[in-house]
PDB file of all heavy atoms in Angstrom:
ATOM      1  N   LYS A   1     154.060  17.268  86.306  1.00  0.00           N
ATOM      2  CA  LYS A   1     152.607  17.414  85.846  1.00  0.00           C
ATOM      3  C   LYS A   1     152.626  18.568  84.795  1.00  0.00           C
ATOM      4  O   LYS A   1     151.820  18.479  83.776  1.00  0.00           O
ATOM      5  CB  LYS A   1     151.686  17.771  86.984  1.00  0.00           C
ATOM      6  CG  LYS A   1     151.351  16.538  87.792  1.00  0.00           C
ATOM      7  CD  LYS A   1     150.315  16.880  88.762  1.00  0.00           C
ATOM      8  CE  LYS A   1     150.011  15.675  89.665  1.00  0.00           C
ATOM      9  NZ  LYS A   1     148.840  16.089  90.750  1.00  0.00           N
ATOM     10  N   GLU A   2     153.312  19.728  85.017  1.00  0.00           N
ATOM     11  CA  GLU A   2     153.189  20.747  84.152  1.00  0.00           C
ATOM     12  C   GLU A   2     153.903  20.409  82.789  1.00  0.00           C
ATOM     13  O   GLU A   2     153.262  20.781  81.676  1.00  0.00           O
ATOM     14  CB  GLU A   2     154.066  22.025  84.784  1.00  0.00           C
ATOM     15  CG  GLU A   2     154.025  23.193  83.978  1.00  0.00           C
ATOM     16  CD  GLU A   2     152.598  23.823  83.761  1.00  0.00           C
ATOM     17  OE1 GLU A   2     151.672  23.639  84.702  1.00  0.00           O
ATOM     18  OE2 GLU A   2     152.342  24.349  82.705  1.00  0.00           O
ATOM     19  N   LYS A   3     154.894  19.723  82.833  1.00  0.00           N
ATOM     20  CA  LYS A   3     155.591  19.233  81.530  1.00  0.00           C
ATOM     21  C   LYS A   3     154.526  18.401  80.722  1.00  0.00           C
ATOM     22  O   LYS A   3     154.412  18.386  79.510  1.00  0.00           O
ATOM     23  CB  LYS A   3     156.868  18.590  81.763  1.00  0.00           C
ATOM     24  CG  LYS A   3     157.553  18.274  80.503  1.00  0.00           C
ATOM     25  CD  LYS A   3     158.090  19.527  79.692  1.00  0.00           C
ATOM     26  CE  LYS A   3     159.033  19.212  78.580  1.00  0.00           C
ATOM     27  NZ  LYS A   3     159.274  20.419  77.750  1.00  0.00           N
ATOM     28  N   ALA A   4     153.909  17.386  81.402  1.00  0.00           N
ATOM     29  CA  ALA A   4     152.997  16.516  80.791  1.00  0.00           C
ATOM     30  C   ALA A   4     151.897  17.203  80.224  1.00  0.00           C
ATOM     31  O   ALA A   4     151.309  16.907  79.149  1.00  0.00           O
ATOM     32  CB  ALA A   4     152.520  15.449  81.944  1.00  0.00           C
ATOM     33  N   LYS A   5     151.383  18.214  80.982  1.00  0.00           N
ATOM     34  CA  LYS A   5     150.305  19.131  80.397  1.00  0.00           C
ATOM     35  C   LYS A   5     150.750  19.780  79.192  1.00  0.00           C
ATOM     36  O   LYS A   5     149.960  19.929  78.270  1.00  0.00           O
ATOM     37  CB  LYS A   5     149.871  20.100  81.503  1.00  0.00           C
ATOM     38  CG  LYS A   5     148.698  20.953  81.221  1.00  0.00           C
ATOM     39  CD  LYS A   5     148.253  21.864  82.310  1.00  0.00           C
ATOM     40  CE  LYS A   5     147.140  22.804  81.863  1.00  0.00           C
ATOM     41  NZ  LYS A   5     146.711  23.608  82.994  1.00  0.00           N
ATOM     42  N   GLN A   6     151.868  20.273  79.227  1.00  0.00           N
ATOM     43  CA  GLN A   6     152.478  21.049  77.916  1.00  0.00           C
ATOM     44  C   GLN A   6     152.438  20.071  76.694  1.00  0.00           C
ATOM     45  O   GLN A   6     152.102  20.420  75.700  1.00  0.00           O
ATOM     46  CB  GLN A   6     153.843  21.661  78.248  1.00  0.00           C
ATOM     47  CG  GLN A   6     153.805  22.762  79.100  1.00  0.00           C
ATOM     48  CD  GLN A   6     155.158  23.242  79.537  1.00  0.00           C
ATOM     49  OE1 GLN A   6     156.123  22.520  79.153  1.00  0.00           O
ATOM     50  NE2 GLN A   6     155.238  24.430  80.205  1.00  0.00           N
ATOM     51  N   VAL A   7     152.995  18.966  77.109  1.00  0.00           N
ATOM     52  CA  VAL A   7     153.098  17.872  75.933  1.00  0.00           C
ATOM     53  C   VAL A   7     151.694  17.502  75.381  1.00  0.00           C
ATOM     54  O   VAL A   7     151.541  17.424  74.165  1.00  0.00           O
ATOM     55  CB  VAL A   7     153.864  16.637  76.430  1.00  0.00           C
ATOM     56  CG1 VAL A   7     153.792  15.511  75.345  1.00  0.00           C
ATOM     57  CG2 VAL A   7     155.361  16.923  76.689  1.00  0.00           C
ATOM     58  N   ALA A   8     150.711  17.243  76.235  1.00  0.00           N
ATOM     59  CA  ALA A   8     149.424  16.929  75.919  1.00  0.00           C
ATOM     60  C   ALA A   8     148.775  17.938  75.144  1.00  0.00           C
ATOM     61  O   ALA A   8     148.134  17.756  74.026  1.00  0.00           O
ATOM     62  CB  ALA A   8     148.557  16.493  77.184  1.00  0.00           C
ATOM     63  N   THR A   9     148.867  19.220  75.582  1.00  0.00           N
ATOM     64  CA  THR A   9     148.349  20.398  74.885  1.00  0.00           C
ATOM     65  C   THR A   9     148.858  20.486  73.562  1.00  0.00           C
ATOM     66  O   THR A   9     148.183  20.706  72.589  1.00  0.00           O
ATOM     67  CB  THR A   9     148.575  21.761  75.769  1.00  0.00           C
ATOM     68  OG1 THR A   9     148.056  21.508  77.046  1.00  0.00           O
ATOM     69  CG2 THR A   9     147.982  22.831  75.018  1.00  0.00           C
ATOM     70  N   LYS A  10     150.188  20.357  73.312  1.00  0.00           N
ATOM     71  CA  LYS A  10     150.810  20.368  72.061  1.00  0.00           C
ATOM     72  C   LYS A  10     150.223  19.266  71.119  1.00  0.00           C
ATOM     73  O   LYS A  10     150.010  19.577  69.871  1.00  0.00           O
ATOM     74  CB  LYS A  10     152.355  20.247  72.257  1.00  0.00           C
ATOM     75  CG  LYS A  10     153.158  20.728  70.944  1.00  0.00           C
ATOM     76  CD  LYS A  10     152.911  22.016  70.612  1.00  0.00           C
ATOM     77  CE  LYS A  10     153.775  22.382  69.333  1.00  0.00           C
ATOM     78  NZ  LYS A  10     153.559  23.609  68.839  1.00  0.00           N
ATOM     79  N   LEU A  11     150.150  18.125  71.633  1.00  0.00           N
ATOM     80  CA  LEU A  11     149.716  16.994  70.867  1.00  0.00           C
ATOM     81  C   LEU A  11     148.260  17.250  70.377  1.00  0.00           C
ATOM     82  O   LEU A  11     147.928  16.760  69.298  1.00  0.00           O
ATOM     83  CB  LEU A  11     149.812  15.678  71.655  1.00  0.00           C
ATOM     84  CG  LEU A  11     151.169  15.132  71.821  1.00  0.00           C
ATOM     85  CD1 LEU A  11     151.224  13.943  72.757  1.00  0.00           C
ATOM     86  CD2 LEU A  11     151.963  14.826  70.566  1.00  0.00           C
ATOM     87  N   LEU A  12     147.433  17.786  71.293  1.00  0.00           N
ATOM     88  CA  LEU A  12     146.035  18.011  70.846  1.00  0.00           C
ATOM     89  C   LEU A  12     145.661  19.298  70.247  1.00  0.00           C
ATOM     90  O   LEU A  12     144.629  19.489  69.774  1.00  0.00           O
ATOM     91  CB  LEU A  12     145.163  17.990  72.177  1.00  0.00           C
ATOM     92  CG  LEU A  12     145.076  16.536  72.846  1.00  0.00           C
ATOM     93  CD1 LEU A  12     144.396  16.635  74.315  1.00  0.00           C
ATOM     94  CD2 LEU A  12     144.474  15.501  71.904  1.00  0.00           C
ATOM     95  N   GLU A  13     146.611  20.179  70.072  1.00  0.00           N
ATOM     96  CA  GLU A  13     146.354  21.495  69.639  1.00  0.00           C
ATOM     97  C   GLU A  13     145.685  21.494  68.179  1.00  0.00           C
ATOM     98  O   GLU A  13     144.748  22.147  67.919  1.00  0.00           O
ATOM     99  CB  GLU A  13     147.642  22.267  69.523  1.00  0.00           C
ATOM    100  CG  GLU A  13     147.579  23.720  69.591  1.00  0.00           C
ATOM    101  CD  GLU A  13     148.991  24.321  69.731  1.00  0.00           C
ATOM    102  OE1 GLU A  13     149.722  24.390  68.790  1.00  0.00           O
ATOM    103  OE2 GLU A  13     149.291  24.855  70.894  1.00  0.00           O
ATOM    104  N   LYS A  14     146.364  20.714  67.293  1.00  0.00           N
ATOM    105  CA  LYS A  14     145.935  20.670  65.885  1.00  0.00           C
ATOM    106  C   LYS A  14     144.431  20.030  65.891  1.00  0.00           C
ATOM    107  O   LYS A  14     143.625  20.418  65.212  1.00  0.00           O
ATOM    108  CB  LYS A  14     146.922  19.821  65.124  1.00  0.00           C
ATOM    109  CG  LYS A  14     146.427  19.743  63.615  1.00  0.00           C
ATOM    110  CD  LYS A  14     147.476  18.915  62.814  1.00  0.00           C
ATOM    111  CE  LYS A  14     146.956  18.877  61.369  1.00  0.00           C
ATOM    112  NZ  LYS A  14     147.754  17.825  60.653  1.00  0.00           N
ATOM    113  N   LYS A  15     144.201  18.950  66.619  1.00  0.00           N
ATOM    114  CA  LYS A  15     142.988  18.303  66.605  1.00  0.00           C
ATOM    115  C   LYS A  15     141.911  19.176  67.151  1.00  0.00           C
ATOM    116  O   LYS A  15     140.737  19.212  66.734  1.00  0.00           O
ATOM    117  CB  LYS A  15     143.042  16.983  67.530  1.00  0.00           C
ATOM    118  CG  LYS A  15     141.860  16.108  67.494  1.00  0.00           C
ATOM    119  CD  LYS A  15     141.421  15.600  66.043  1.00  0.00           C
ATOM    120  CE  LYS A  15     142.269  14.539  65.669  1.00  0.00           C
ATOM    121  NZ  LYS A  15     141.950  14.046  64.329  1.00  0.00           N
ATOM    122  N   LEU A  16     142.178  19.893  68.331  1.00  0.00           N
ATOM    123  CA  LEU A  16     141.180  20.855  68.801  1.00  0.00           C
ATOM    124  C   LEU A  16     140.829  21.814  67.727  1.00  0.00           C
ATOM    125  O   LEU A  16     139.683  22.394  67.664  1.00  0.00           O
ATOM    126  CB  LEU A  16     141.615  21.490  70.146  1.00  0.00           C
ATOM    127  CG  LEU A  16     141.741  20.532  71.315  1.00  0.00           C
ATOM    128  CD1 LEU A  16     142.372  21.144  72.432  1.00  0.00           C
ATOM    129  CD2 LEU A  16     140.457  20.074  71.602  1.00  0.00           C
ATOM    130  N   ALA A  17     141.822  22.436  67.037  1.00  0.00           N
ATOM    131  CA  ALA A  17     141.578  23.481  66.007  1.00  0.00           C
ATOM    132  C   ALA A  17     140.625  22.864  64.925  1.00  0.00           C
ATOM    133  O   ALA A  17     139.706  23.492  64.474  1.00  0.00           O
ATOM    134  CB  ALA A  17     142.836  23.944  65.365  1.00  0.00           C
ATOM    135  N   GLU A  18     140.811  21.611  64.509  1.00  0.00           N
ATOM    136  CA  GLU A  18     140.021  20.993  63.531  1.00  0.00           C
ATOM    137  C   GLU A  18     138.602  20.740  63.987  1.00  0.00           C
ATOM    138  O   GLU A  18     137.718  20.960  63.217  1.00  0.00           O
ATOM    139  CB  GLU A  18     140.568  19.612  63.137  1.00  0.00           C
ATOM    140  CG  GLU A  18     141.927  19.679  62.354  1.00  0.00           C
ATOM    141  CD  GLU A  18     142.580  18.217  62.154  1.00  0.00           C
ATOM    142  OE1 GLU A  18     141.904  17.301  62.651  1.00  0.00           O
ATOM    143  OE2 GLU A  18     143.572  18.267  61.537  1.00  0.00           O
ATOM    144  N   VAL A  19     138.315  20.482  65.333  1.00  0.00           N
ATOM    145  CA  VAL A  19     137.046  20.275  65.881  1.00  0.00           C
ATOM    146  C   VAL A  19     136.401  21.554  65.825  1.00  0.00           C
ATOM    147  O   VAL A  19     135.206  21.725  65.546  1.00  0.00           O
ATOM    148  CB  VAL A  19     137.164  19.818  67.382  1.00  0.00           C
ATOM    149  CG1 VAL A  19     135.764  19.779  68.143  1.00  0.00           C
ATOM    150  CG2 VAL A  19     137.656  18.261  67.229  1.00  0.00           C
ATOM    151  N   LYS A  20     137.057  22.705  66.384  1.00  0.00           N
ATOM    152  CA  LYS A  20     136.426  24.027  66.338  1.00  0.00           C
ATOM    153  C   LYS A  20     136.037  24.438  64.851  1.00  0.00           C
ATOM    154  O   LYS A  20     135.046  25.111  64.744  1.00  0.00           O
ATOM    155  CB  LYS A  20     137.421  25.002  67.028  1.00  0.00           C
ATOM    156  CG  LYS A  20     137.401  25.048  68.442  1.00  0.00           C
ATOM    157  CD  LYS A  20     138.231  26.029  68.971  1.00  0.00           C
ATOM    158  CE  LYS A  20     138.394  25.984  70.523  1.00  0.00           C
ATOM    159  NZ  LYS A  20     139.158  26.995  71.120  1.00  0.00           N
ATOM    160  N   GLU A  21     136.898  24.223  63.954  1.00  0.00           N
ATOM    161  CA  GLU A  21     136.569  24.519  62.481  1.00  0.00           C
ATOM    162  C   GLU A  21     135.452  23.741  62.023  1.00  0.00           C
ATOM    163  O   GLU A  21     134.505  24.311  61.435  1.00  0.00           O
ATOM    164  CB  GLU A  21     137.687  24.169  61.571  1.00  0.00           C
ATOM    165  CG  GLU A  21     137.545  24.611  60.096  1.00  0.00           C
ATOM    166  CD  GLU A  21     137.385  26.171  59.997  1.00  0.00           C
ATOM    167  OE1 GLU A  21     137.865  26.936  60.831  1.00  0.00           O
ATOM    168  OE2 GLU A  21     136.729  26.489  58.968  1.00  0.00           O
ATOM    169  N   ALA A  22     135.273  22.457  62.318  1.00  0.00           N
ATOM    170  CA  ALA A  22     134.073  21.638  61.992  1.00  0.00           C
ATOM    171  C   ALA A  22     132.870  22.170  62.552  1.00  0.00           C
ATOM    172  O   ALA A  22     131.754  22.217  61.997  1.00  0.00           O
ATOM    173  CB  ALA A  22     134.377  20.163  62.364  1.00  0.00           C
ATOM    174  N   GLU A  23     132.887  22.563  63.853  1.00  0.00           N
ATOM    175  CA  GLU A  23     131.750  23.171  64.672  1.00  0.00           C
ATOM    176  C   GLU A  23     131.316  24.419  63.914  1.00  0.00           C
ATOM    177  O   GLU A  23     130.229  24.780  63.757  1.00  0.00           O
ATOM    178  CB  GLU A  23     132.003  23.411  66.051  1.00  0.00           C
ATOM    179  CG  GLU A  23     132.087  22.109  66.823  1.00  0.00           C
ATOM    180  CD  GLU A  23     132.687  22.231  68.250  1.00  0.00           C
ATOM    181  OE1 GLU A  23     133.177  23.371  68.561  1.00  0.00           O
ATOM    182  OE2 GLU A  23     132.660  21.383  68.979  1.00  0.00           O
ATOM    183  N   LYS A  24     132.342  25.183  63.515  1.00  0.00           N
ATOM    184  CA  LYS A  24     132.103  26.568  62.921  1.00  0.00           C
ATOM    185  C   LYS A  24     131.270  26.317  61.561  1.00  0.00           C
ATOM    186  O   LYS A  24     130.476  27.083  61.155  1.00  0.00           O
ATOM    187  CB  LYS A  24     133.443  27.256  62.734  1.00  0.00           C
ATOM    188  CG  LYS A  24     133.284  28.645  61.977  1.00  0.00           C
ATOM    189  CD  LYS A  24     134.711  29.307  62.028  1.00  0.00           C
ATOM    190  CE  LYS A  24     134.635  30.496  60.957  1.00  0.00           C
ATOM    191  NZ  LYS A  24     135.993  31.021  60.842  1.00  0.00           N
ATOM    192  N   LYS A  25     131.811  25.348  60.777  1.00  0.00           N
ATOM    193  CA  LYS A  25     131.122  25.011  59.512  1.00  0.00           C
ATOM    194  C   LYS A  25     129.679  24.639  59.637  1.00  0.00           C
ATOM    195  O   LYS A  25     128.776  25.083  58.876  1.00  0.00           O
ATOM    196  CB  LYS A  25     131.906  23.980  58.787  1.00  0.00           C
ATOM    197  CG  LYS A  25     133.204  24.422  58.229  1.00  0.00           C
ATOM    198  CD  LYS A  25     133.837  23.185  57.467  1.00  0.00           C
ATOM    199  CE  LYS A  25     135.196  23.838  56.874  1.00  0.00           C
ATOM    200  NZ  LYS A  25     135.942  22.677  56.200  1.00  0.00           N
ATOM    201  N   ILE A  26     129.291  23.915  60.712  1.00  0.00           N
ATOM    202  CA  ILE A  26     128.003  23.503  60.983  1.00  0.00           C
ATOM    203  C   ILE A  26     127.206  24.750  61.328  1.00  0.00           C
ATOM    204  O   ILE A  26     126.064  25.002  60.716  1.00  0.00           O
ATOM    205  CB  ILE A  26     127.810  22.410  62.228  1.00  0.00           C
ATOM    206  CG1 ILE A  26     128.505  21.208  61.674  1.00  0.00           C
ATOM    207  CG2 ILE A  26     126.468  22.313  62.721  1.00  0.00           C
ATOM    208  CD1 ILE A  26     128.799  20.216  62.809  1.00  0.00           C
ATOM    209  N   ARG A  27     127.632  25.649  62.193  1.00  0.00           N
ATOM    210  CA  ARG A  27     126.960  26.826  62.672  1.00  0.00           C
ATOM    211  C   ARG A  27     126.735  27.757  61.384  1.00  0.00           C
ATOM    212  O   ARG A  27     125.605  28.281  61.260  1.00  0.00           O
ATOM    213  CB  ARG A  27     127.744  27.632  63.690  1.00  0.00           C
ATOM    214  CG  ARG A  27     127.636  26.922  65.118  1.00  0.00           C
ATOM    215  CD  ARG A  27     128.031  27.862  66.077  1.00  0.00           C
ATOM    216  NE  ARG A  27     129.436  28.441  65.950  1.00  0.00           N
ATOM    217  CZ  ARG A  27     130.574  27.688  66.424  1.00  0.00           C
ATOM    218  NH1 ARG A  27     130.428  26.626  66.999  1.00  0.00           N
ATOM    219  NH2 ARG A  27     131.801  28.196  66.113  1.00  0.00           N
ATOM    220  N   PHE A  28     127.714  27.879  60.462  1.00  0.00           N
ATOM    221  CA  PHE A  28     127.443  28.813  59.378  1.00  0.00           C
ATOM    222  C   PHE A  28     126.401  28.099  58.329  1.00  0.00           C
ATOM    223  O   PHE A  28     125.724  28.830  57.740  1.00  0.00           O
ATOM    224  CB  PHE A  28     128.889  29.057  58.690  1.00  0.00           C
ATOM    225  CG  PHE A  28     129.609  30.225  59.265  1.00  0.00           C
ATOM    226  CD1 PHE A  28     130.407  29.965  60.412  1.00  0.00           C
ATOM    227  CD2 PHE A  28     129.510  31.468  58.790  1.00  0.00           C
ATOM    228  CE1 PHE A  28     131.107  31.085  61.006  1.00  0.00           C
ATOM    229  CE2 PHE A  28     130.181  32.566  59.380  1.00  0.00           C
ATOM    230  CZ  PHE A  28     130.998  32.375  60.401  1.00  0.00           C
ATOM    231  N   PHE A  29     126.575  26.881  58.201  1.00  0.00           N
ATOM    232  CA  PHE A  29     125.556  26.170  57.376  1.00  0.00           C
ATOM    233  C   PHE A  29     124.179  26.393  57.848  1.00  0.00           C
ATOM    234  O   PHE A  29     123.277  26.735  57.062  1.00  0.00           O
ATOM    235  CB  PHE A  29     125.968  24.625  57.309  1.00  0.00           C
ATOM    236  CG  PHE A  29     124.979  23.865  56.505  1.00  0.00           C
ATOM    237  CD1 PHE A  29     124.950  24.016  55.067  1.00  0.00           C
ATOM    238  CD2 PHE A  29     124.105  22.966  57.162  1.00  0.00           C
ATOM    239  CE1 PHE A  29     124.030  23.243  54.315  1.00  0.00           C
ATOM    240  CE2 PHE A  29     123.227  22.215  56.426  1.00  0.00           C
ATOM    241  CZ  PHE A  29     123.120  22.348  54.996  1.00  0.00           C
ATOM    242  N   ILE A  30     123.955  26.213  59.215  1.00  0.00           N
ATOM    243  CA  ILE A  30     122.573  26.354  59.730  1.00  0.00           C
ATOM    244  C   ILE A  30     122.159  27.788  59.622  1.00  0.00           C
ATOM    245  O   ILE A  30     120.987  28.107  59.262  1.00  0.00           O
ATOM    246  CB  ILE A  30     122.710  25.976  61.330  1.00  0.00           C
ATOM    247  CG1 ILE A  30     122.998  24.415  61.445  1.00  0.00           C
ATOM    248  CG2 ILE A  30     121.241  26.225  61.965  1.00  0.00           C
ATOM    249  CD1 ILE A  30     122.214  23.479  60.591  1.00  0.00           C
ATOM    250  N   THR A  31     123.122  28.802  59.864  1.00  0.00           N
ATOM    251  CA  THR A  31     122.698  30.165  59.673  1.00  0.00           C
ATOM    252  C   THR A  31     122.365  30.475  58.378  1.00  0.00           C
ATOM    253  O   THR A  31     121.369  31.128  58.018  1.00  0.00           O
ATOM    254  CB  THR A  31     124.005  31.066  60.037  1.00  0.00           C
ATOM    255  OG1 THR A  31     124.370  30.708  61.494  1.00  0.00           O
ATOM    256  CG2 THR A  31     123.672  32.530  59.956  1.00  0.00           C
ATOM    257  N   ASP A  32     123.113  29.925  57.275  1.00  0.00           N
ATOM    258  CA  ASP A  32     122.826  30.259  55.933  1.00  0.00           C
ATOM    259  C   ASP A  32     121.243  29.656  55.529  1.00  0.00           C
ATOM    260  O   ASP A  32     120.508  30.426  54.959  1.00  0.00           O
ATOM    261  CB  ASP A  32     123.755  29.553  54.975  1.00  0.00           C
ATOM    262  CG  ASP A  32     123.585  29.857  53.608  1.00  0.00           C
ATOM    263  OD1 ASP A  32     123.454  31.032  53.239  1.00  0.00           O
ATOM    264  OD2 ASP A  32     123.399  28.889  52.658  1.00  0.00           O
ATOM    265  N   ILE A  33     120.957  28.472  56.043  1.00  0.00           N
ATOM    266  CA  ILE A  33     119.639  27.886  55.852  1.00  0.00           C
ATOM    267  C   ILE A  33     118.634  28.757  56.572  1.00  0.00           C
ATOM    268  O   ILE A  33     117.646  29.171  55.935  1.00  0.00           O
ATOM    269  CB  ILE A  33     119.442  26.462  56.430  1.00  0.00           C
ATOM    270  CG1 ILE A  33     120.400  25.512  55.536  1.00  0.00           C
ATOM    271  CG2 ILE A  33     118.068  26.045  56.272  1.00  0.00           C
ATOM    272  CD1 ILE A  33     120.477  24.117  56.135  1.00  0.00           C
ATOM    273  N   ALA A  34     118.797  29.212  57.802  1.00  0.00           N
ATOM    274  CA  ALA A  34     117.982  30.024  58.498  1.00  0.00           C
ATOM    275  C   ALA A  34     117.698  31.442  57.901  1.00  0.00           C
ATOM    276  O   ALA A  34     116.537  31.826  57.627  1.00  0.00           O
ATOM    277  CB  ALA A  34     118.460  30.299  60.018  1.00  0.00           C
ATOM    278  N   LYS A  35     118.764  31.978  57.359  1.00  0.00           N
ATOM    279  CA  LYS A  35     118.607  33.348  56.610  1.00  0.00           C
ATOM    280  C   LYS A  35     117.875  33.274  55.370  1.00  0.00           C
ATOM    281  O   LYS A  35     117.007  34.101  54.976  1.00  0.00           O
ATOM    282  CB  LYS A  35     120.037  33.852  56.312  1.00  0.00           C
ATOM    283  CG  LYS A  35     120.721  34.363  57.682  1.00  0.00           C
ATOM    284  CD  LYS A  35     122.155  34.782  57.397  1.00  0.00           C
ATOM    285  CE  LYS A  35     122.293  36.056  56.382  1.00  0.00           C
ATOM    286  NZ  LYS A  35     123.617  36.570  56.295  1.00  0.00           N
TER     287      LYS A  35
END
């Protein structure tokens, strides 16, 4: 199970970083409009 978890984490690492970056762009966009 530990090895499977490591493999899954490695496979999803890039996609999770892209999702976080997309969420960050939305927050900064909303902040800019609000300011």
